[in-house]
Amino acid sequence: MNNKIIGIILVIAGAALALWGYNIYDAASSQVTRAISGDTPIEAWIGMVGGAVCVIVGLTRLK
């Protein structure tokens, strides 16, 4: 029972973190930075990758 609750929390938190990272990636200031220098903000990468990892770990806890 405890693993399922932790899994659900990780999936929800991971989805929110991935959305936050995508919002940073898609922001106007980020688009201008990518157009000029080609760099993506590290916050966007941390959010998207960290969110994906949390979702995967959460899904393994649900099984």
Protein backbone atom coordinates (compact mmCIF):
# COMPACT_ATOMS: atom_id res chain seq x y z
CA MET A 1 0.00 0.00 0.00
CA ASN A 2 2.80 2.41 0.87
CA ASN A 3 4.62 1.81 -2.43
CA LYS A 4 1.48 2.64 -4.41
CA ILE A 5 1.06 5.97 -2.63
CA ILE A 6 4.71 6.84 -3.23
CA GLY A 7 4.34 5.79 -6.87
CA ILE A 8 1.28 7.99 -7.40
CA ILE A 9 3.03 10.97 -5.79
CA LEU A 10 6.12 10.43 -7.97
CA VAL A 11 4.05 10.21 -11.16
CA ILE A 12 2.14 13.40 -10.35
CA ALA A 13 5.28 15.29 -9.28
CA GLY A 14 7.19 14.04 -12.32
CA ALA A 15 4.46 15.15 -14.70
CA ALA A 16 4.35 18.58 -13.07
CA LEU A 17 8.15 18.86 -13.22
CA ALA A 18 8.24 17.86 -16.89
CA LEU A 19 5.55 20.43 -17.73
CA TRP A 20 7.47 23.10 -15.84
CA GLY A 21 10.62 22.26 -17.79
CA TYR A 22 8.74 22.38 -21.09
CA ASN A 23 7.24 25.75 -20.18
CA ILE A 24 10.73 27.12 -19.56
CA TYR A 25 11.94 25.57 -22.82
CA ASP A 26 9.04 27.13 -24.75
CA ALA A 27 9.24 30.59 -23.14
CA ALA A 28 9.91 33.58 -25.38
CA SER A 29 13.19 34.47 -23.67
CA SER A 30 14.38 30.91 -24.10
CA GLN A 31 13.48 30.93 -27.77
CA VAL A 32 15.47 34.12 -28.31
CA THR A 33 18.45 32.64 -26.46
CA ARG A 34 18.28 29.46 -28.54
CA ALA A 35 18.05 31.48 -31.76
CA ILE A 36 21.08 33.62 -30.90
CA SER A 37 23.42 31.21 -29.15
CA GLY A 38 21.84 27.80 -29.61
CA ASP A 39 21.90 27.08 -25.87
CA THR A 40 18.94 25.67 -23.99
CA PRO A 41 18.48 26.80 -20.38
CA ILE A 42 19.69 24.19 -17.88
CA GLU A 43 16.45 24.60 -15.91
CA ALA A 44 14.52 23.28 -18.90
CA TRP A 45 16.72 20.19 -19.17
CA ILE A 46 16.56 19.54 -15.44
CA GLY A 47 12.79 19.84 -15.43
CA MET A 48 12.14 17.63 -18.43
CA VAL A 49 14.70 14.92 -17.63
CA GLY A 50 13.99 14.97 -13.89
CA GLY A 51 10.27 14.76 -14.55
CA ALA A 52 10.70 11.81 -16.88
CA VAL A 53 12.85 9.99 -14.31
CA CYS A 54 10.27 10.63 -11.57
CA VAL A 55 7.46 9.31 -13.77
CA ILE A 56 9.41 6.16 -14.64
CA VAL A 57 10.31 5.48 -11.01
CA GLY A 58 6.72 6.15 -9.98
CA LEU A 59 5.38 3.74 -12.57
CA THR A 60 7.72 1.00 -11.40
CA ARG A 61 6.47 1.52 -7.83
CA LEU A 62 2.86 1.10 -8.98
CA LYS A 63 3.45 -2.43 -10.29
